ModelCIF file with pLDDT and N, C-alpha, C, O atoms, coordinates in Angstrom:
data_MODEL
#
_entry.id   MODEL 
#
_entity.id                         1 
_entity.type                       polymer 
_entity.pdbx_number_of_molecules   1 
#
_entity_poly.entity_id                      1 
_entity_poly.type                           'polypeptide(L)' 
_entity_poly.nstd_linkage                   no 
_entity_poly.nstd_monomer                   no 
_entity_poly.pdbx_seq_one_letter_code       EQLSHAIFPLGHSTKAEVREEAARRGLTVADKPDSHDICFIADGDTRG 
_entity_poly.pdbx_seq_one_letter_code_can   EQLSHAIFPLGHSTKAEVREEAARRGLTVADKPDSHDICFIADGDTRG 
_entity_poly.pdbx_strand_id                 A 
#
loop_
_entity_poly_seq.entity_id 
_entity_poly_seq.num 
_entity_poly_seq.mon_id 
_entity_poly_seq.hetero 
1 1  GLU n 
1 2  GLN n 
1 3  LEU n 
1 4  SER n 
1 5  HIS n 
1 6  ALA n 
1 7  ILE n 
1 8  PHE n 
1 9  PRO n 
1 10 LEU n 
1 11 GLY n 
1 12 HIS n 
1 13 SER n 
1 14 THR n 
1 15 LYS n 
1 16 ALA n 
1 17 GLU n 
1 18 VAL n 
1 19 ARG n 
1 20 GLU n 
1 21 GLU n 
1 22 ALA n 
1 23 ALA n 
1 24 ARG n 
1 25 ARG n 
1 26 GLY n 
1 27 LEU n 
1 28 THR n 
1 29 VAL n 
1 30 ALA n 
1 31 ASP n 
1 32 LYS n 
1 33 PRO n 
1 34 ASP n 
1 35 SER n 
1 36 HIS n 
1 37 ASP n 
1 38 ILE n 
1 39 CYS n 
1 40 PHE n 
1 41 ILE n 
1 42 ALA n 
1 43 ASP n 
1 44 GLY n 
1 45 ASP n 
1 46 THR n 
1 47 ARG n 
1 48 GLY n 
#
_struct_asym.id          A 
_struct_asym.entity_id   1 
#
loop_
_ma_qa_metric.id 
_ma_qa_metric.mode 
_ma_qa_metric.name 
_ma_qa_metric.software_group_id 
_ma_qa_metric.type 
1 global pLDDT . pLDDT 
2 local  pLDDT . pLDDT 
#
_ma_qa_metric_global.metric_id      1 
_ma_qa_metric_global.metric_value   91.06 
_ma_qa_metric_global.model_id       1 
_ma_qa_metric_global.ordinal_id     1 
#
loop_
_ma_qa_metric_local.label_asym_id 
_ma_qa_metric_local.label_comp_id 
_ma_qa_metric_local.label_seq_id 
_ma_qa_metric_local.metric_id 
_ma_qa_metric_local.metric_value 
_ma_qa_metric_local.model_id 
_ma_qa_metric_local.ordinal_id 
A GLU 1  2 95.00 1 1  
A GLN 2  2 95.00 1 2  
A LEU 3  2 96.00 1 3  
A SER 4  2 96.00 1 4  
A HIS 5  2 96.00 1 5  
A ALA 6  2 97.00 1 6  
A ILE 7  2 97.00 1 7  
A PHE 8  2 97.00 1 8  
A PRO 9  2 98.00 1 9  
A LEU 10 2 98.00 1 10 
A GLY 11 2 97.00 1 11 
A HIS 12 2 97.00 1 12 
A SER 13 2 98.00 1 13 
A THR 14 2 97.00 1 14 
A LYS 15 2 96.00 1 15 
A ALA 16 2 97.00 1 16 
A GLU 17 2 98.00 1 17 
A VAL 18 2 98.00 1 18 
A ARG 19 2 98.00 1 19 
A GLU 20 2 98.00 1 20 
A GLU 21 2 98.00 1 21 
A ALA 22 2 97.00 1 22 
A ALA 23 2 98.00 1 23 
A ARG 24 2 98.00 1 24 
A ARG 25 2 98.00 1 25 
A GLY 26 2 97.00 1 26 
A LEU 27 2 97.00 1 27 
A THR 28 2 95.00 1 28 
A VAL 29 2 95.00 1 29 
A ALA 30 2 95.00 1 30 
A ASP 31 2 94.00 1 31 
A LYS 32 2 92.00 1 32 
A PRO 33 2 87.00 1 33 
A ASP 34 2 83.00 1 34 
A SER 35 2 75.00 1 35 
A HIS 36 2 68.00 1 36 
A ASP 37 2 66.00 1 37 
A ILE 38 2 81.00 1 38 
A CYS 39 2 81.00 1 39 
A PHE 40 2 84.00 1 40 
A ILE 41 2 82.00 1 41 
A ALA 42 2 75.00 1 42 
A ASP 43 2 76.00 1 43 
A GLY 44 2 78.00 1 44 
A ASP 45 2 84.00 1 45 
A THR 46 2 86.00 1 46 
A ARG 47 2 85.00 1 47 
A GLY 48 2 87.00 1 48 
#
loop_
_atom_site.group_PDB 
_atom_site.id 
_atom_site.type_symbol 
_atom_site.label_atom_id 
_atom_site.label_alt_id 
_atom_site.label_comp_id 
_atom_site.label_asym_id 
_atom_site.label_entity_id 
_atom_site.label_seq_id 
_atom_site.pdbx_PDB_ins_code 
_atom_site.Cartn_x 
_atom_site.Cartn_y 
_atom_site.Cartn_z 
_atom_site.occupancy 
_atom_site.B_iso_or_equiv 
_atom_site.pdbx_formal_charge 
_atom_site.auth_seq_id 
_atom_site.auth_comp_id 
_atom_site.auth_asym_id 
_atom_site.auth_atom_id 
_atom_site.pdbx_PDB_model_num 
ATOM 1   N N  . GLU A 1 1  ? 74.380 105.376 107.824 1.00 95.00 ? 1  GLU A N  1 
ATOM 2   C CA . GLU A 1 1  ? 74.384 104.554 106.614 1.00 95.00 ? 1  GLU A CA 1 
ATOM 3   C C  . GLU A 1 1  ? 73.225 104.930 105.702 1.00 95.00 ? 1  GLU A C  1 
ATOM 4   O O  . GLU A 1 1  ? 73.405 105.036 104.489 1.00 95.00 ? 1  GLU A O  1 
ATOM 5   N N  . GLN A 1 2  ? 72.038 105.132 106.268 1.00 95.00 ? 2  GLN A N  1 
ATOM 6   C CA . GLN A 1 2  ? 70.882 105.529 105.457 1.00 95.00 ? 2  GLN A CA 1 
ATOM 7   C C  . GLN A 1 2  ? 71.087 106.914 104.853 1.00 95.00 ? 2  GLN A C  1 
ATOM 8   O O  . GLN A 1 2  ? 70.780 107.131 103.681 1.00 95.00 ? 2  GLN A O  1 
ATOM 9   N N  . LEU A 1 3  ? 71.600 107.844 105.640 1.00 96.00 ? 3  LEU A N  1 
ATOM 10  C CA . LEU A 1 3  ? 71.848 109.193 105.124 1.00 96.00 ? 3  LEU A CA 1 
ATOM 11  C C  . LEU A 1 3  ? 72.898 109.202 104.016 1.00 96.00 ? 3  LEU A C  1 
ATOM 12  O O  . LEU A 1 3  ? 72.868 110.053 103.127 1.00 96.00 ? 3  LEU A O  1 
ATOM 13  N N  . SER A 1 4  ? 73.825 108.249 104.076 1.00 96.00 ? 4  SER A N  1 
ATOM 14  C CA . SER A 1 4  ? 74.875 108.205 103.046 1.00 96.00 ? 4  SER A CA 1 
ATOM 15  C C  . SER A 1 4  ? 74.313 107.813 101.686 1.00 96.00 ? 4  SER A C  1 
ATOM 16  O O  . SER A 1 4  ? 74.975 108.015 100.668 1.00 96.00 ? 4  SER A O  1 
ATOM 17  N N  . HIS A 1 5  ? 73.096 107.252 101.648 1.00 96.00 ? 5  HIS A N  1 
ATOM 18  C CA . HIS A 1 5  ? 72.455 106.868 100.390 1.00 96.00 ? 5  HIS A CA 1 
ATOM 19  C C  . HIS A 1 5  ? 71.197 107.696 100.125 1.00 96.00 ? 5  HIS A C  1 
ATOM 20  O O  . HIS A 1 5  ? 70.333 107.281 99.352  1.00 96.00 ? 5  HIS A O  1 
ATOM 21  N N  . ALA A 1 6  ? 71.089 108.862 100.760 1.00 97.00 ? 6  ALA A N  1 
ATOM 22  C CA . ALA A 1 6  ? 69.915 109.722 100.591 1.00 97.00 ? 6  ALA A CA 1 
ATOM 23  C C  . ALA A 1 6  ? 70.292 111.011 99.881  1.00 97.00 ? 6  ALA A C  1 
ATOM 24  O O  . ALA A 1 6  ? 71.426 111.481 99.973  1.00 97.00 ? 6  ALA A O  1 
ATOM 25  N N  . ILE A 1 7  ? 69.317 111.575 99.171  1.00 97.00 ? 7  ILE A N  1 
ATOM 26  C CA . ILE A 1 7  ? 69.482 112.888 98.530  1.00 97.00 ? 7  ILE A CA 1 
ATOM 27  C C  . ILE A 1 7  ? 68.224 113.703 98.822  1.00 97.00 ? 7  ILE A C  1 
ATOM 28  O O  . ILE A 1 7  ? 67.108 113.248 98.571  1.00 97.00 ? 7  ILE A O  1 
ATOM 29  N N  . PHE A 1 8  ? 68.413 114.912 99.356  1.00 97.00 ? 8  PHE A N  1 
ATOM 30  C CA . PHE A 1 8  ? 67.305 115.835 99.620  1.00 97.00 ? 8  PHE A CA 1 
ATOM 31  C C  . PHE A 1 8  ? 67.560 117.122 98.834  1.00 97.00 ? 8  PHE A C  1 
ATOM 32  O O  . PHE A 1 8  ? 68.224 118.027 99.339  1.00 97.00 ? 8  PHE A O  1 
ATOM 33  N N  . PRO A 1 9  ? 67.046 117.216 97.612  1.00 98.00 ? 9  PRO A N  1 
ATOM 34  C CA . PRO A 1 9  ? 67.394 118.349 96.739  1.00 98.00 ? 9  PRO A CA 1 
ATOM 35  C C  . PRO A 1 9  ? 66.764 119.686 97.117  1.00 98.00 ? 9  PRO A C  1 
ATOM 36  O O  . PRO A 1 9  ? 67.136 120.711 96.544  1.00 98.00 ? 9  PRO A O  1 
ATOM 37  N N  . LEU A 1 10 ? 65.818 119.713 98.066  1.00 98.00 ? 10 LEU A N  1 
ATOM 38  C CA . LEU A 1 10 ? 65.057 120.941 98.304  1.00 98.00 ? 10 LEU A CA 1 
ATOM 39  C C  . LEU A 1 10 ? 65.524 121.744 99.510  1.00 98.00 ? 10 LEU A C  1 
ATOM 40  O O  . LEU A 1 10 ? 64.916 122.766 99.829  1.00 98.00 ? 10 LEU A O  1 
ATOM 41  N N  . GLY A 1 11 ? 66.564 121.325 100.178 1.00 97.00 ? 11 GLY A N  1 
ATOM 42  C CA . GLY A 1 11 ? 66.958 121.950 101.435 1.00 97.00 ? 11 GLY A CA 1 
ATOM 43  C C  . GLY A 1 11 ? 67.343 123.410 101.348 1.00 97.00 ? 11 GLY A C  1 
ATOM 44  O O  . GLY A 1 11 ? 67.305 124.123 102.350 1.00 97.00 ? 11 GLY A O  1 
ATOM 45  N N  . HIS A 1 12 ? 67.711 123.862 100.163 1.00 97.00 ? 12 HIS A N  1 
ATOM 46  C CA . HIS A 1 12 ? 68.123 125.266 99.996  1.00 97.00 ? 12 HIS A CA 1 
ATOM 47  C C  . HIS A 1 12 ? 67.028 126.119 99.366  1.00 97.00 ? 12 HIS A C  1 
ATOM 48  O O  . HIS A 1 12 ? 67.289 127.245 98.941  1.00 97.00 ? 12 HIS A O  1 
ATOM 49  N N  . SER A 1 13 ? 65.813 125.601 99.300  1.00 98.00 ? 13 SER A N  1 
ATOM 50  C CA . SER A 1 13 ? 64.703 126.323 98.665  1.00 98.00 ? 13 SER A CA 1 
ATOM 51  C C  . SER A 1 13 ? 63.534 126.466 99.626  1.00 98.00 ? 13 SER A C  1 
ATOM 52  O O  . SER A 1 13 ? 63.285 125.590 100.454 1.00 98.00 ? 13 SER A O  1 
ATOM 53  N N  . THR A 1 14 ? 62.818 127.580 99.507  1.00 97.00 ? 14 THR A N  1 
ATOM 54  C CA . THR A 1 14 ? 61.579 127.735 100.255 1.00 97.00 ? 14 THR A CA 1 
ATOM 55  C C  . THR A 1 14 ? 60.455 127.019 99.527  1.00 97.00 ? 14 THR A C  1 
ATOM 56  O O  . THR A 1 14 ? 60.584 126.683 98.350  1.00 97.00 ? 14 THR A O  1 
ATOM 57  N N  . LYS A 1 15 ? 59.348 126.783 100.233 1.00 96.00 ? 15 LYS A N  1 
ATOM 58  C CA . LYS A 1 15 ? 58.210 126.119 99.599  1.00 96.00 ? 15 LYS A CA 1 
ATOM 59  C C  . LYS A 1 15 ? 57.665 126.967 98.454  1.00 96.00 ? 15 LYS A C  1 
ATOM 60  O O  . LYS A 1 15 ? 57.256 126.430 97.425  1.00 96.00 ? 15 LYS A O  1 
ATOM 61  N N  . ALA A 1 16 ? 57.655 128.291 98.627  1.00 97.00 ? 16 ALA A N  1 
ATOM 62  C CA . ALA A 1 16 ? 57.180 129.175 97.552  1.00 97.00 ? 16 ALA A CA 1 
ATOM 63  C C  . ALA A 1 16 ? 58.048 129.029 96.307  1.00 97.00 ? 16 ALA A C  1 
ATOM 64  O O  . ALA A 1 16 ? 57.533 129.008 95.189  1.00 97.00 ? 16 ALA A O  1 
ATOM 65  N N  . GLU A 1 17 ? 59.345 128.928 96.494  1.00 98.00 ? 17 GLU A N  1 
ATOM 66  C CA . GLU A 1 17 ? 60.250 128.757 95.355  1.00 98.00 ? 17 GLU A CA 1 
ATOM 67  C C  . GLU A 1 17 ? 60.026 127.413 94.672  1.00 98.00 ? 17 GLU A C  1 
ATOM 68  O O  . GLU A 1 17 ? 60.107 127.318 93.448  1.00 98.00 ? 17 GLU A O  1 
ATOM 69  N N  . VAL A 1 18 ? 59.744 126.379 95.455  1.00 98.00 ? 18 VAL A N  1 
ATOM 70  C CA . VAL A 1 18 ? 59.473 125.058 94.876  1.00 98.00 ? 18 VAL A CA 1 
ATOM 71  C C  . VAL A 1 18 ? 58.213 125.110 94.014  1.00 98.00 ? 18 VAL A C  1 
ATOM 72  O O  . VAL A 1 18 ? 58.199 124.568 92.909  1.00 98.00 ? 18 VAL A O  1 
ATOM 73  N N  . ARG A 1 19 ? 57.170 125.748 94.502  1.00 98.00 ? 19 ARG A N  1 
ATOM 74  C CA . ARG A 1 19 ? 55.923 125.858 93.723  1.00 98.00 ? 19 ARG A CA 1 
ATOM 75  C C  . ARG A 1 19 ? 56.143 126.662 92.439  1.00 98.00 ? 19 ARG A C  1 
ATOM 76  O O  . ARG A 1 19 ? 55.627 126.295 91.383  1.00 98.00 ? 19 ARG A O  1 
ATOM 77  N N  . GLU A 1 20 ? 56.894 127.738 92.523  1.00 98.00 ? 20 GLU A N  1 
ATOM 78  C CA . GLU A 1 20 ? 57.177 128.538 91.324  1.00 98.00 ? 20 GLU A CA 1 
ATOM 79  C C  . GLU A 1 20 ? 57.956 127.723 90.299  1.00 98.00 ? 20 GLU A C  1 
ATOM 80  O O  . GLU A 1 20 ? 57.679 127.795 89.101  1.00 98.00 ? 20 GLU A O  1 
ATOM 81  N N  . GLU A 1 21 ? 58.929 126.948 90.771  1.00 98.00 ? 21 GLU A N  1 
ATOM 82  C CA . GLU A 1 21 ? 59.710 126.109 89.861  1.00 98.00 ? 21 GLU A CA 1 
ATOM 83  C C  . GLU A 1 21 ? 58.838 125.038 89.216  1.00 98.00 ? 21 GLU A C  1 
ATOM 84  O O  . GLU A 1 21 ? 58.976 124.761 88.025  1.00 98.00 ? 21 GLU A O  1 
ATOM 85  N N  . ALA A 1 22 ? 57.942 124.434 89.991  1.00 97.00 ? 22 ALA A N  1 
ATOM 86  C CA . ALA A 1 22 ? 57.042 123.414 89.448  1.00 97.00 ? 22 ALA A CA 1 
ATOM 87  C C  . ALA A 1 22 ? 56.188 124.000 88.326  1.00 97.00 ? 22 ALA A C  1 
ATOM 88  O O  . ALA A 1 22 ? 55.969 123.349 87.304  1.00 97.00 ? 22 ALA A O  1 
ATOM 89  N N  . ALA A 1 23 ? 55.710 125.221 88.513  1.00 98.00 ? 23 ALA A N  1 
ATOM 90  C CA . ALA A 1 23 ? 54.903 125.865 87.477  1.00 98.00 ? 23 ALA A CA 1 
ATOM 91  C C  . ALA A 1 23 ? 55.734 126.106 86.225  1.00 98.00 ? 23 ALA A C  1 
ATOM 92  O O  . ALA A 1 23 ? 55.255 125.879 85.114  1.00 98.00 ? 23 ALA A O  1 
ATOM 93  N N  . ARG A 1 24 ? 56.969 126.560 86.387  1.00 98.00 ? 24 ARG A N  1 
ATOM 94  C CA . ARG A 1 24 ? 57.839 126.795 85.235  1.00 98.00 ? 24 ARG A CA 1 
ATOM 95  C C  . ARG A 1 24 ? 58.119 125.498 84.481  1.00 98.00 ? 24 ARG A C  1 
ATOM 96  O O  . ARG A 1 24 ? 58.246 125.505 83.256  1.00 98.00 ? 24 ARG A O  1 
ATOM 97  N N  . ARG A 1 25 ? 58.216 124.401 85.198  1.00 98.00 ? 25 ARG A N  1 
ATOM 98  C CA . ARG A 1 25 ? 58.513 123.108 84.576  1.00 98.00 ? 25 ARG A CA 1 
ATOM 99  C C  . ARG A 1 25 ? 57.274 122.460 83.958  1.00 98.00 ? 25 ARG A C  1 
ATOM 100 O O  . ARG A 1 25 ? 57.376 121.414 83.316  1.00 98.00 ? 25 ARG A O  1 
ATOM 101 N N  . GLY A 1 26 ? 56.119 123.069 84.147  1.00 97.00 ? 26 GLY A N  1 
ATOM 102 C CA . GLY A 1 26 ? 54.896 122.505 83.591  1.00 97.00 ? 26 GLY A CA 1 
ATOM 103 C C  . GLY A 1 26 ? 54.346 121.341 84.377  1.00 97.00 ? 26 GLY A C  1 
ATOM 104 O O  . GLY A 1 26 ? 53.621 120.510 83.829  1.00 97.00 ? 26 GLY A O  1 
ATOM 105 N N  . LEU A 1 27 ? 54.680 121.263 85.665  1.00 97.00 ? 27 LEU A N  1 
ATOM 106 C CA . LEU A 1 27 ? 54.180 120.187 86.526  1.00 97.00 ? 27 LEU A CA 1 
ATOM 107 C C  . LEU A 1 27 ? 52.806 120.580 87.058  1.00 97.00 ? 27 LEU A C  1 
ATOM 108 O O  . LEU A 1 27 ? 52.655 121.633 87.677  1.00 97.00 ? 27 LEU A O  1 
ATOM 109 N N  . THR A 1 28 ? 51.814 119.742 86.820  1.00 95.00 ? 28 THR A N  1 
ATOM 110 C CA . THR A 1 28 ? 50.434 120.095 87.172  1.00 95.00 ? 28 THR A CA 1 
ATOM 111 C C  . THR A 1 28 ? 50.195 120.130 88.677  1.00 95.00 ? 28 THR A C  1 
ATOM 112 O O  . THR A 1 28 ? 49.151 120.602 89.126  1.00 95.00 ? 28 THR A O  1 
ATOM 113 N N  . VAL A 1 29 ? 51.148 119.639 89.459  1.00 95.00 ? 29 VAL A N  1 
ATOM 114 C CA . VAL A 1 29 ? 50.987 119.629 90.920  1.00 95.00 ? 29 VAL A CA 1 
ATOM 115 C C  . VAL A 1 29 ? 51.489 120.922 91.557  1.00 95.00 ? 29 VAL A C  1 
ATOM 116 O O  . VAL A 1 29 ? 51.568 121.011 92.782  1.00 95.00 ? 29 VAL A O  1 
ATOM 117 N N  . ALA A 1 30 ? 51.827 121.924 90.747  1.00 95.00 ? 30 ALA A N  1 
ATOM 118 C CA . ALA A 1 30 ? 52.413 123.165 91.273  1.00 95.00 ? 30 ALA A CA 1 
ATOM 119 C C  . ALA A 1 30 ? 51.561 123.799 92.359  1.00 95.00 ? 30 ALA A C  1 
ATOM 120 O O  . ALA A 1 30 ? 52.089 124.326 93.338  1.00 95.00 ? 30 ALA A O  1 
ATOM 121 N N  . ASP A 1 31 ? 50.239 123.750 92.191  1.00 94.00 ? 31 ASP A N  1 
ATOM 122 C CA . ASP A 1 31 ? 49.337 124.376 93.163  1.00 94.00 ? 31 ASP A CA 1 
ATOM 123 C C  . ASP A 1 31 ? 48.599 123.359 94.026  1.00 94.00 ? 31 ASP A C  1 
ATOM 124 O O  . ASP A 1 31 ? 47.649 123.711 94.725  1.00 94.00 ? 31 ASP A O  1 
ATOM 125 N N  . LYS A 1 32 ? 49.025 122.115 93.983  1.00 92.00 ? 32 LYS A N  1 
ATOM 126 C CA . LYS A 1 32 ? 48.343 121.079 94.754  1.00 92.00 ? 32 LYS A CA 1 
ATOM 127 C C  . LYS A 1 32 ? 48.533 121.320 96.253  1.00 92.00 ? 32 LYS A C  1 
ATOM 128 O O  . LYS A 1 32 ? 49.661 121.554 96.687  1.00 92.00 ? 32 LYS A O  1 
ATOM 129 N N  . PRO A 1 33 ? 47.458 121.268 97.062  1.00 87.00 ? 33 PRO A N  1 
ATOM 130 C CA . PRO A 1 33 ? 47.596 121.499 98.512  1.00 87.00 ? 33 PRO A CA 1 
ATOM 131 C C  . PRO A 1 33 ? 48.495 120.446 99.153  1.00 87.00 ? 33 PRO A C  1 
ATOM 132 O O  . PRO A 1 33 ? 48.551 119.301 98.704  1.00 87.00 ? 33 PRO A O  1 
ATOM 133 N N  . ASP A 1 34 ? 49.186 120.849 100.195 1.00 83.00 ? 34 ASP A N  1 
ATOM 134 C CA . ASP A 1 34 ? 49.993 119.907 100.959 1.00 83.00 ? 34 ASP A CA 1 
ATOM 135 C C  . ASP A 1 34 ? 49.082 118.955 101.719 1.00 83.00 ? 34 ASP A C  1 
ATOM 136 O O  . ASP A 1 34 ? 48.006 119.343 102.175 1.00 83.00 ? 34 ASP A O  1 
ATOM 137 N N  . SER A 1 35 ? 49.517 117.707 101.852 1.00 75.00 ? 35 SER A N  1 
ATOM 138 C CA . SER A 1 35 ? 48.796 116.790 102.738 1.00 75.00 ? 35 SER A CA 1 
ATOM 139 C C  . SER A 1 35 ? 49.105 117.178 104.173 1.00 75.00 ? 35 SER A C  1 
ATOM 140 O O  . SER A 1 35 ? 50.139 117.789 104.443 1.00 75.00 ? 35 SER A O  1 
ATOM 141 N N  . HIS A 1 36 ? 48.228 116.832 105.085 1.00 68.00 ? 36 HIS A N  1 
ATOM 142 C CA . HIS A 1 36 ? 48.465 117.146 106.485 1.00 68.00 ? 36 HIS A CA 1 
ATOM 143 C C  . HIS A 1 36 ? 47.758 116.126 107.368 1.00 68.00 ? 36 HIS A C  1 
ATOM 144 O O  . HIS A 1 36 ? 47.011 115.270 106.894 1.00 68.00 ? 36 HIS A O  1 
ATOM 145 N N  . ASP A 1 37 ? 48.015 116.245 108.652 1.00 66.00 ? 37 ASP A N  1 
ATOM 146 C CA . ASP A 1 37 ? 47.494 115.306 109.628 1.00 66.00 ? 37 ASP A CA 1 
ATOM 147 C C  . ASP A 1 37 ? 48.040 113.897 109.348 1.00 66.00 ? 37 ASP A C  1 
ATOM 148 O O  . ASP A 1 37 ? 49.130 113.757 108.795 1.00 66.00 ? 37 ASP A O  1 
ATOM 149 N N  . ILE A 1 38 ? 47.308 112.883 109.717 1.00 81.00 ? 38 ILE A N  1 
ATOM 150 C CA . ILE A 1 38 ? 47.782 111.506 109.611 1.00 81.00 ? 38 ILE A CA 1 
ATOM 151 C C  . ILE A 1 38 ? 47.177 110.882 108.363 1.00 81.00 ? 38 ILE A C  1 
ATOM 152 O O  . ILE A 1 38 ? 45.955 110.813 108.238 1.00 81.00 ? 38 ILE A O  1 
ATOM 153 N N  . CYS A 1 39 ? 48.004 110.433 107.451 1.00 81.00 ? 39 CYS A N  1 
ATOM 154 C CA . CYS A 1 39 ? 47.517 110.048 106.122 1.00 81.00 ? 39 CYS A CA 1 
ATOM 155 C C  . CYS A 1 39 ? 46.516 108.908 106.169 1.00 81.00 ? 39 CYS A C  1 
ATOM 156 O O  . CYS A 1 39 ? 45.627 108.839 105.319 1.00 81.00 ? 39 CYS A O  1 
ATOM 157 N N  . PHE A 1 40 ? 46.638 108.004 107.148 1.00 84.00 ? 40 PHE A N  1 
ATOM 158 C CA . PHE A 1 40 ? 45.729 106.860 107.168 1.00 84.00 ? 40 PHE A CA 1 
ATOM 159 C C  . PHE A 1 40 ? 44.471 107.124 108.001 1.00 84.00 ? 40 PHE A C  1 
ATOM 160 O O  . PHE A 1 40 ? 43.659 106.221 108.207 1.00 84.00 ? 40 PHE A O  1 
ATOM 161 N N  . ILE A 1 41 ? 44.313 108.358 108.478 1.00 82.00 ? 41 ILE A N  1 
ATOM 162 C CA . ILE A 1 41 ? 43.070 108.756 109.154 1.00 82.00 ? 41 ILE A CA 1 
ATOM 163 C C  . ILE A 1 41 ? 42.493 109.908 108.348 1.00 82.00 ? 41 ILE A C  1 
ATOM 164 O O  . ILE A 1 41 ? 42.713 111.077 108.665 1.00 82.00 ? 41 ILE A O  1 
ATOM 165 N N  . ALA A 1 42 ? 41.749 109.561 107.300 1.00 75.00 ? 42 ALA A N  1 
ATOM 166 C CA . ALA A 1 42 ? 41.333 110.541 106.301 1.00 75.00 ? 42 ALA A CA 1 
ATOM 167 C C  . ALA A 1 42 ? 40.458 111.649 106.866 1.00 75.00 ? 42 ALA A C  1 
ATOM 168 O O  . ALA A 1 42 ? 40.542 112.790 106.410 1.00 75.00 ? 42 ALA A O  1 
ATOM 169 N N  . ASP A 1 43 ? 39.618 111.335 107.852 1.00 76.00 ? 43 ASP A N  1 
ATOM 170 C CA . ASP A 1 43 ? 38.704 112.355 108.379 1.00 76.00 ? 43 ASP A CA 1 
ATOM 171 C C  . ASP A 1 43 ? 39.304 113.119 109.551 1.00 76.00 ? 43 ASP A C  1 
ATOM 172 O O  . ASP A 1 43 ? 38.646 114.001 110.102 1.00 76.00 ? 43 ASP A O  1 
ATOM 173 N N  . GLY A 1 44 ? 40.529 112.808 109.944 1.00 78.00 ? 44 GLY A N  1 
ATOM 174 C CA . GLY A 1 44 ? 41.191 113.521 111.023 1.00 78.00 ? 44 GLY A CA 1 
ATOM 175 C C  . GLY A 1 44 ? 40.728 113.144 112.416 1.00 78.00 ? 44 GLY A C  1 
ATOM 176 O O  . GLY A 1 44 ? 41.176 113.748 113.391 1.00 78.00 ? 44 GLY A O  1 
ATOM 177 N N  . ASP A 1 45 ? 39.847 112.166 112.540 1.00 84.00 ? 45 ASP A N  1 
ATOM 178 C CA . ASP A 1 45 ? 39.300 111.771 113.839 1.00 84.00 ? 45 ASP A CA 1 
ATOM 179 C C  . ASP A 1 45 ? 40.171 110.667 114.447 1.00 84.00 ? 45 ASP A C  1 
ATOM 180 O O  . ASP A 1 45 ? 39.852 109.483 114.343 1.00 84.00 ? 45 ASP A O  1 
ATOM 181 N N  . THR A 1 46 ? 41.273 111.074 115.080 1.00 86.00 ? 46 THR A N  1 
ATOM 182 C CA . THR A 1 46 ? 42.196 110.101 115.658 1.00 86.00 ? 46 THR A CA 1 
ATOM 183 C C  . THR A 1 46 ? 41.537 109.292 116.772 1.00 86.00 ? 46 THR A C  1 
ATOM 184 O O  . THR A 1 46 ? 41.726 108.079 116.863 1.00 86.00 ? 46 THR A O  1 
ATOM 185 N N  . ARG A 1 47 ? 40.762 109.969 117.619 1.00 85.00 ? 47 ARG A N  1 
ATOM 186 C CA . ARG A 1 47 ? 40.108 109.273 118.726 1.00 85.00 ? 47 ARG A CA 1 
ATOM 187 C C  . ARG A 1 47 ? 39.151 108.206 118.201 1.00 85.00 ? 47 ARG A C  1 
ATOM 188 O O  . ARG A 1 47 ? 39.116 107.092 118.724 1.00 85.00 ? 47 ARG A O  1 
ATOM 189 N N  . GLY A 1 48 ? 38.375 108.541 117.169 1.00 87.00 ? 48 GLY A N  1 
ATOM 190 C CA . GLY A 1 48 ? 37.448 107.575 116.589 1.00 87.00 ? 48 GLY A CA 1 
ATOM 191 C C  . GLY A 1 48 ? 38.180 106.413 115.940 1.00 87.00 ? 48 GLY A C  1 
ATOM 192 O O  . GLY A 1 48 ? 37.545 105.506 115.402 1.00 87.00 ? 48 GLY A O  1 
#
């Protein structure tokens, strides 16, 4: 049911192609680094 109301437009593109398209569209996030690790643990110290 959830998938029937979802759209994932990037499945046929590589990440490099997405960044190139963002630059062509004038999106300032074209070169923005990907987030990683756990978003609510900013320093990456899960044990702490």
